Amino acid sequence: MKLNRSSGILMHITSLPGPHGSGTMGKEAREFVDSIHYAGQQFWQTLPISPVSPAFGYSPYSPLSSFAGNYLMISIQDLQTQPWIKSLPPASTFPSSNTDSPDQLNADFADFDYVSSITLPFLKTAFRDFFSFANESERLEFQHFCEDSKYWLDDYALFIPLANHFNNYDWTTWDDDIRSRKPSAIREYSQSLKEEIQFHKFIQFIFFKQWNALKKYANSR
């Protein structure tokens, strides 16, 4: 088998120069794709894109799921272009760092705590806007995503609210009924945490829309 000589670059998305302390799947990622295209590269390899946690040092190698995506990589700017966004201020009005001046942002390290403090509230407002203003086609797209991803999404979207509820990602320390996955406990928590479960499904919907768009753009280059 003949193999053509080729080369590529390893660059994690969070290492890109994002506007709020970390790189995202938005403008900076597309610009990176353009730059390595012009440099004659054929591959872009990233680190794992799974969700991370401060409990594990935000390490991509200690993910909370093998299937879900890391919401810290969601582009606020790209999300704001959606027609159902009504309540959010322009993304440019968000501060560039948690310092008095954007120039003071440490360019050598990602500030994941700060990224979370900016992105998570934005996503919560976007979540409310989506279910208030999205049209039928957009809602159907969300429903289809949930159905197609059901084999991992349902458990993941329940796990994260449960971890927040018990303030612990170690499920072996949770109450006996839910850690044993008793149907009655699953029904009870699924009802009491219903809105938060739906929110985490929405986050994954947005993540994979942006991820697929970035992958399509990269493949085209």
C-alpha atoms as a PDB file:
ATOM      1  CA  MET A   1       0.000   0.000   0.000  1.00  0.00           C
ATOM      2  CA  LYS A   2       1.385   3.383  -1.017  1.00  0.00           C
ATOM      3  CA  LEU A   3       1.216   6.086   1.664  1.00  0.00           C
ATOM      4  CA  ASN A   4       1.662   9.730   0.763  1.00  0.00           C
ATOM      5  CA  ARG A   5       3.989  11.752   2.955  1.00  0.00           C
ATOM      6  CA  SER A   6       2.052  14.224   5.131  1.00  0.00           C
ATOM      7  CA  SER A   7       2.299  16.183   8.365  1.00  0.00           C
ATOM      8  CA  GLY A   8       0.075  17.900  10.896  1.00  0.00           C
ATOM      9  CA  ILE A   9      -0.034  19.775  14.173  1.00  0.00           C
ATOM     10  CA  LEU A  10      -1.108  18.893  17.706  1.00  0.00           C
ATOM     11  CA  MET A  11      -3.006  21.830  19.232  1.00  0.00           C
ATOM     12  CA  HIS A  12      -5.742  21.561  21.806  1.00  0.00           C
ATOM     13  CA  ILE A  13      -8.709  23.880  21.276  1.00  0.00           C
ATOM     14  CA  THR A  14      -8.326  25.440  24.729  1.00  0.00           C
ATOM     15  CA  SER A  15      -4.754  26.450  23.820  1.00  0.00           C
ATOM     16  CA  LEU A  16      -5.977  28.811  21.125  1.00  0.00           C
ATOM     17  CA  PRO A  17      -6.091  32.559  21.967  1.00  0.00           C
ATOM     18  CA  GLY A  18      -9.759  32.839  22.944  1.00  0.00           C
ATOM     19  CA  PRO A  19     -11.329  36.095  24.130  1.00  0.00           C
ATOM     20  CA  HIS A  20     -12.354  34.953  27.623  1.00  0.00           C
ATOM     21  CA  GLY A  21      -9.377  33.045  28.991  1.00  0.00           C
ATOM     22  CA  SER A  22      -9.390  29.959  26.747  1.00  0.00           C
ATOM     23  CA  GLY A  23      -9.760  28.953  23.119  1.00  0.00           C
ATOM     24  CA  THR A  24     -13.134  27.937  21.698  1.00  0.00           C
ATOM     25  CA  MET A  25     -14.564  26.259  18.600  1.00  0.00           C
ATOM     26  CA  GLY A  26     -15.360  29.673  17.139  1.00  0.00           C
ATOM     27  CA  LYS A  27     -13.459  32.292  15.168  1.00  0.00           C
ATOM     28  CA  GLU A  28     -10.041  31.492  16.638  1.00  0.00           C
ATOM     29  CA  ALA A  29     -10.400  27.805  15.711  1.00  0.00           C
ATOM     30  CA  ARG A  30     -11.344  28.635  12.112  1.00  0.00           C
ATOM     31  CA  GLU A  31      -8.404  31.033  11.889  1.00  0.00           C
ATOM     32  CA  PHE A  32      -6.109  28.267  13.142  1.00  0.00           C
ATOM     33  CA  VAL A  33      -7.489  25.934  10.476  1.00  0.00           C
ATOM     34  CA  ASP A  34      -6.731  28.595   7.859  1.00  0.00           C
ATOM     35  CA  SER A  35      -3.184  29.077   9.149  1.00  0.00           C
ATOM     36  CA  ILE A  36      -2.239  25.400   9.056  1.00  0.00           C
ATOM     37  CA  HIS A  37      -3.924  25.053   5.659  1.00  0.00           C
ATOM     38  CA  TYR A  38      -1.696  27.810   4.259  1.00  0.00           C
ATOM     39  CA  ALA A  39       1.303  26.136   5.935  1.00  0.00           C
ATOM     40  CA  GLY A  40       0.616  22.975   3.957  1.00  0.00           C
ATOM     41  CA  GLN A  41      -0.467  20.849   6.908  1.00  0.00           C
ATOM     42  CA  GLN A  42      -3.022  18.078   6.430  1.00  0.00           C
ATOM     43  CA  PHE A  43      -3.935  17.086   9.979  1.00  0.00           C
ATOM     44  CA  TRP A  44      -5.059  18.844  13.143  1.00  0.00           C
ATOM     45  CA  GLN A  45      -4.892  16.652  16.230  1.00  0.00           C
ATOM     46  CA  THR A  46      -6.492  17.826  19.474  1.00  0.00           C
ATOM     47  CA  LEU A  47      -6.499  16.524  23.014  1.00  0.00           C
ATOM     48  CA  PRO A  48      -9.747  14.846  24.182  1.00  0.00           C
ATOM     49  CA  ILE A  49     -12.772  17.153  23.933  1.00  0.00           C
ATOM     50  CA  SER A  50     -14.760  15.532  26.756  1.00  0.00           C
ATOM     51  CA  PRO A  51     -16.152  17.568  29.703  1.00  0.00           C
ATOM     52  CA  VAL A  52     -13.710  18.381  32.480  1.00  0.00           C
ATOM     53  CA  SER A  53     -14.011  19.401  36.113  1.00  0.00           C
ATOM     54  CA  PRO A  54     -12.084  21.581  38.580  1.00  0.00           C
ATOM     55  CA  ALA A  55     -12.195  18.551  40.897  1.00  0.00           C
ATOM     56  CA  PHE A  56      -9.766  16.864  38.496  1.00  0.00           C
ATOM     57  CA  GLY A  57      -7.724  19.928  37.588  1.00  0.00           C
ATOM     58  CA  TYR A  58      -9.646  20.472  34.325  1.00  0.00           C
ATOM     59  CA  SER A  59      -7.574  17.660  32.816  1.00  0.00           C
ATOM     60  CA  PRO A  60      -8.863  16.388  29.448  1.00  0.00           C
ATOM     61  CA  TYR A  61      -7.515  13.000  30.504  1.00  0.00           C
ATOM     62  CA  SER A  62      -9.818  12.870  33.552  1.00  0.00           C
ATOM     63  CA  PRO A  63     -13.133  13.487  31.775  1.00  0.00           C
ATOM     64  CA  LEU A  64     -16.635  13.206  33.202  1.00  0.00           C
ATOM     65  CA  SER A  65     -17.813  11.326  30.117  1.00  0.00           C
ATOM     66  CA  SER A  66     -16.375   9.456  27.158  1.00  0.00           C
ATOM     67  CA  PHE A  67     -19.119  10.769  24.876  1.00  0.00           C
ATOM     68  CA  ALA A  68     -20.073  14.297  25.973  1.00  0.00           C
ATOM     69  CA  GLY A  69     -18.335  17.519  24.960  1.00  0.00           C
ATOM     70  CA  ASN A  70     -16.586  20.196  27.003  1.00  0.00           C
ATOM     71  CA  TYR A  71     -18.852  23.262  27.283  1.00  0.00           C
ATOM     72  CA  LEU A  72     -15.801  25.468  27.992  1.00  0.00           C
ATOM     73  CA  MET A  73     -15.016  25.168  24.279  1.00  0.00           C
ATOM     74  CA  ILE A  74     -18.374  26.581  23.173  1.00  0.00           C
ATOM     75  CA  SER A  75     -18.011  29.897  21.370  1.00  0.00           C
ATOM     76  CA  ILE A  76     -20.165  32.610  22.926  1.00  0.00           C
ATOM     77  CA  GLN A  77     -19.751  34.749  19.815  1.00  0.00           C
ATOM     78  CA  ASP A  78     -20.969  32.017  17.466  1.00  0.00           C
ATOM     79  CA  LEU A  79     -23.844  31.114  19.761  1.00  0.00           C
ATOM     80  CA  GLN A  80     -25.005  34.705  19.879  1.00  0.00           C
ATOM     81  CA  THR A  81     -25.666  34.680  16.120  1.00  0.00           C
ATOM     82  CA  GLN A  82     -28.549  32.226  16.572  1.00  0.00           C
ATOM     83  CA  PRO A  83     -31.897  33.876  15.741  1.00  0.00           C
ATOM     84  CA  TRP A  84     -33.543  32.620  18.948  1.00  0.00           C
ATOM     85  CA  ILE A  85     -31.076  34.543  21.125  1.00  0.00           C
ATOM     86  CA  LYS A  86     -33.092  37.469  22.497  1.00  0.00           C
ATOM     87  CA  SER A  87     -31.950  38.188  26.051  1.00  0.00           C
ATOM     88  CA  LEU A  88     -28.173  38.190  25.766  1.00  0.00           C
ATOM     89  CA  PRO A  89     -25.993  41.288  25.493  1.00  0.00           C
ATOM     90  CA  PRO A  90     -23.435  41.427  22.685  1.00  0.00           C
ATOM     91  CA  ALA A  91     -20.663  38.924  23.396  1.00  0.00           C
ATOM     92  CA  SER A  92     -18.146  41.734  22.941  1.00  0.00           C
ATOM     93  CA  THR A  93     -19.471  43.354  26.120  1.00  0.00           C
ATOM     94  CA  PHE A  94     -18.180  40.484  28.248  1.00  0.00           C
ATOM     95  CA  PRO A  95     -14.860  41.334  29.899  1.00  0.00           C
ATOM     96  CA  SER A  96     -11.830  39.693  28.351  1.00  0.00           C
ATOM     97  CA  SER A  97     -10.452  38.648  31.726  1.00  0.00           C
ATOM     98  CA  ASN A  98     -11.091  38.847  35.432  1.00  0.00           C
ATOM     99  CA  THR A  99      -8.603  41.701  35.685  1.00  0.00           C
ATOM    100  CA  ASP A 100      -9.056  45.438  35.272  1.00  0.00           C
ATOM    101  CA  SER A 101      -7.499  45.378  31.816  1.00  0.00           C
ATOM    102  CA  PRO A 102      -7.640  42.771  29.035  1.00  0.00           C
ATOM    103  CA  ASP A 103      -3.900  43.351  28.621  1.00  0.00           C
ATOM    104  CA  GLN A 104      -3.368  41.749  32.025  1.00  0.00           C
ATOM    105  CA  LEU A 105      -4.781  38.405  30.887  1.00  0.00           C
ATOM    106  CA  ASN A 106      -2.061  35.784  31.177  1.00  0.00           C
ATOM    107  CA  ALA A 107      -1.521  34.682  27.597  1.00  0.00           C
ATOM    108  CA  ASP A 108       0.485  31.594  28.593  1.00  0.00           C
ATOM    109  CA  PHE A 109      -2.178  29.764  30.606  1.00  0.00           C
ATOM    110  CA  ALA A 110      -5.884  29.050  30.172  1.00  0.00           C
ATOM    111  CA  ASP A 111      -8.036  30.430  33.002  1.00  0.00           C
ATOM    112  CA  PHE A 112     -10.723  27.726  33.159  1.00  0.00           C
ATOM    113  CA  ASP A 113     -12.347  29.044  36.321  1.00  0.00           C
ATOM    114  CA  TYR A 114     -12.907  32.369  34.621  1.00  0.00           C
ATOM    115  CA  VAL A 115     -14.067  30.768  31.371  1.00  0.00           C
ATOM    116  CA  SER A 116     -16.663  28.828  33.357  1.00  0.00           C
ATOM    117  CA  SER A 117     -17.839  31.963  35.161  1.00  0.00           C
ATOM    118  CA  ILE A 118     -18.465  33.628  31.786  1.00  0.00           C
ATOM    119  CA  THR A 119     -19.732  30.716  29.699  1.00  0.00           C
ATOM    120  CA  LEU A 120     -22.055  28.906  32.102  1.00  0.00           C
ATOM    121  CA  PRO A 121     -24.331  31.910  32.883  1.00  0.00           C
ATOM    122  CA  PHE A 122     -24.411  32.710  29.160  1.00  0.00           C
ATOM    123  CA  LEU A 123     -25.520  29.165  28.378  1.00  0.00           C
ATOM    124  CA  LYS A 124     -28.227  29.270  31.041  1.00  0.00           C
ATOM    125  CA  THR A 125     -29.711  32.386  29.485  1.00  0.00           C
ATOM    126  CA  ALA A 126     -29.385  30.855  26.011  1.00  0.00           C
ATOM    127  CA  PHE A 127     -31.195  27.764  27.325  1.00  0.00           C
ATOM    128  CA  ARG A 128     -34.162  29.839  28.444  1.00  0.00           C
ATOM    129  CA  ASP A 129     -34.189  31.778  25.175  1.00  0.00           C
ATOM    130  CA  PHE A 130     -34.108  28.601  23.100  1.00  0.00           C
ATOM    131  CA  PHE A 131     -37.206  27.141  24.701  1.00  0.00           C
ATOM    132  CA  SER A 132     -38.968  30.494  24.561  1.00  0.00           C
ATOM    133  CA  PHE A 133     -38.114  31.657  21.040  1.00  0.00           C
ATOM    134  CA  ALA A 134     -36.753  28.786  18.917  1.00  0.00           C
ATOM    135  CA  ASN A 135     -38.961  27.820  15.996  1.00  0.00           C
ATOM    136  CA  GLU A 136     -40.432  24.374  15.411  1.00  0.00           C
ATOM    137  CA  SER A 137     -37.614  23.280  13.121  1.00  0.00           C
ATOM    138  CA  GLU A 138     -34.961  24.215  15.669  1.00  0.00           C
ATOM    139  CA  ARG A 139     -36.824  22.433  18.473  1.00  0.00           C
ATOM    140  CA  LEU A 140     -37.155  19.338  16.305  1.00  0.00           C
ATOM    141  CA  GLU A 141     -33.412  19.431  15.684  1.00  0.00           C
ATOM    142  CA  PHE A 142     -32.867  19.419  19.456  1.00  0.00           C
ATOM    143  CA  GLN A 143     -35.306  16.531  19.891  1.00  0.00           C
ATOM    144  CA  HIS A 144     -33.602  14.508  17.173  1.00  0.00           C
ATOM    145  CA  PHE A 145     -30.219  15.121  18.795  1.00  0.00           C
ATOM    146  CA  CYS A 146     -31.566  13.859  22.130  1.00  0.00           C
ATOM    147  CA  GLU A 147     -33.063  10.788  20.496  1.00  0.00           C
ATOM    148  CA  ASP A 148     -29.936   9.970  18.491  1.00  0.00           C
ATOM    149  CA  SER A 149     -27.699  10.466  21.537  1.00  0.00           C
ATOM    150  CA  LYS A 150     -30.008   8.812  24.030  1.00  0.00           C
ATOM    151  CA  TYR A 151     -27.665   5.860  24.598  1.00  0.00           C
ATOM    152  CA  TRP A 152     -25.230   8.154  26.446  1.00  0.00           C
ATOM    153  CA  LEU A 153     -26.970  11.515  26.845  1.00  0.00           C
ATOM    154  CA  ASP A 154     -29.711  10.464  29.280  1.00  0.00           C
ATOM    155  CA  ASP A 155     -27.274   9.035  31.815  1.00  0.00           C
ATOM    156  CA  TYR A 156     -24.805  11.906  31.436  1.00  0.00           C
ATOM    157  CA  ALA A 157     -27.485  14.596  31.762  1.00  0.00           C
ATOM    158  CA  LEU A 158     -28.668  12.945  34.982  1.00  0.00           C
ATOM    159  CA  PHE A 159     -25.173  12.314  36.361  1.00  0.00           C
ATOM    160  CA  ILE A 160     -24.034  15.951  36.312  1.00  0.00           C
ATOM    161  CA  PRO A 161     -27.083  17.333  38.202  1.00  0.00           C
ATOM    162  CA  LEU A 162     -26.758  14.472  40.685  1.00  0.00           C
ATOM    163  CA  ALA A 163     -23.079  15.280  41.193  1.00  0.00           C
ATOM    164  CA  ASN A 164     -24.019  18.914  41.821  1.00  0.00           C
ATOM    165  CA  HIS A 165     -26.811  17.819  44.166  1.00  0.00           C
ATOM    166  CA  PHE A 166     -24.487  15.645  46.253  1.00  0.00           C
ATOM    167  CA  ASN A 167     -21.542  18.033  45.745  1.00  0.00           C
ATOM    168  CA  ASN A 168     -19.412  15.057  44.759  1.00  0.00           C
ATOM    169  CA  TYR A 169     -18.497  13.300  41.507  1.00  0.00           C
ATOM    170  CA  ASP A 170     -17.817  10.063  43.385  1.00  0.00           C
ATOM    171  CA  TRP A 171     -21.149   8.306  42.815  1.00  0.00           C
ATOM    172  CA  THR A 172     -20.175   5.530  45.249  1.00  0.00           C
ATOM    173  CA  THR A 173     -20.745   8.004  48.091  1.00  0.00           C
ATOM    174  CA  TRP A 174     -24.266   8.987  46.993  1.00  0.00           C
ATOM    175  CA  ASP A 175     -27.462   7.768  48.640  1.00  0.00           C
ATOM    176  CA  ASP A 176     -27.938   4.001  48.356  1.00  0.00           C
ATOM    177  CA  ASP A 177     -31.044   4.091  46.169  1.00  0.00           C
ATOM    178  CA  ILE A 178     -29.650   6.308  43.441  1.00  0.00           C
ATOM    179  CA  ARG A 179     -26.144   4.848  43.406  1.00  0.00           C
ATOM    180  CA  SER A 180     -27.803   1.436  42.968  1.00  0.00           C
ATOM    181  CA  ARG A 181     -29.899   2.917  40.138  1.00  0.00           C
ATOM    182  CA  LYS A 182     -33.191   1.832  41.624  1.00  0.00           C
ATOM    183  CA  PRO A 183     -35.952   2.768  39.160  1.00  0.00           C
ATOM    184  CA  SER A 184     -37.902   4.628  41.831  1.00  0.00           C
ATOM    185  CA  ALA A 185     -34.857   6.763  42.699  1.00  0.00           C
ATOM    186  CA  ILE A 186     -34.137   7.493  39.042  1.00  0.00           C
ATOM    187  CA  ARG A 187     -37.761   8.593  38.528  1.00  0.00           C
ATOM    188  CA  GLU A 188     -37.655  10.765  41.658  1.00  0.00           C
ATOM    189  CA  TYR A 189     -34.418  12.567  40.776  1.00  0.00           C
ATOM    190  CA  SER A 190     -35.328  12.821  37.094  1.00  0.00           C
ATOM    191  CA  GLN A 191     -38.412  14.753  38.140  1.00  0.00           C
ATOM    192  CA  SER A 192     -36.840  16.930  40.848  1.00  0.00           C
ATOM    193  CA  LEU A 193     -33.831  17.773  38.634  1.00  0.00           C
ATOM    194  CA  LYS A 194     -35.832  17.964  35.407  1.00  0.00           C
ATOM    195  CA  GLU A 195     -34.845  21.495  34.366  1.00  0.00           C
ATOM    196  CA  GLU A 196     -31.156  20.976  35.092  1.00  0.00           C
ATOM    197  CA  ILE A 197     -31.197  17.685  33.161  1.00  0.00           C
ATOM    198  CA  GLN A 198     -32.743  19.461  30.176  1.00  0.00           C
ATOM    199  CA  PHE A 199     -30.124  22.205  30.487  1.00  0.00           C
ATOM    200  CA  HIS A 200     -27.242  19.739  30.223  1.00  0.00           C
ATOM    201  CA  LYS A 201     -28.854  18.129  27.194  1.00  0.00           C
ATOM    202  CA  PHE A 202     -29.073  21.590  25.650  1.00  0.00           C
ATOM    203  CA  ILE A 203     -25.387  22.236  26.362  1.00  0.00           C
ATOM    204  CA  GLN A 204     -24.447  19.063  24.513  1.00  0.00           C
ATOM    205  CA  PHE A 205     -26.734  20.007  21.631  1.00  0.00           C
ATOM    206  CA  ILE A 206     -24.933  23.338  21.268  1.00  0.00           C
ATOM    207  CA  PHE A 207     -21.495  21.786  21.710  1.00  0.00           C
ATOM    208  CA  PHE A 208     -21.963  19.239  18.950  1.00  0.00           C
ATOM    209  CA  LYS A 209     -23.519  21.783  16.576  1.00  0.00           C
ATOM    210  CA  GLN A 210     -20.356  23.872  16.911  1.00  0.00           C
ATOM    211  CA  TRP A 211     -18.050  20.843  16.861  1.00  0.00           C
ATOM    212  CA  ASN A 212     -19.607  19.472  13.666  1.00  0.00           C
ATOM    213  CA  ALA A 213     -19.489  22.903  12.047  1.00  0.00           C
ATOM    214  CA  LEU A 214     -15.781  23.242  12.913  1.00  0.00           C
ATOM    215  CA  LYS A 215     -15.015  19.741  11.661  1.00  0.00           C
ATOM    216  CA  LYS A 216     -16.833  20.450   8.406  1.00  0.00           C
ATOM    217  CA  TYR A 217     -14.859  23.684   7.991  1.00  0.00           C
ATOM    218  CA  ALA A 218     -11.568  21.919   8.724  1.00  0.00           C
ATOM    219  CA  ASN A 219     -12.362  19.107   6.296  1.00  0.00           C
ATOM    220  CA  SER A 220     -13.104  21.674   3.601  1.00  0.00           C
ATOM    221  CA  ARG A 221      -9.637  23.187   4.086  1.00  0.00           C
END
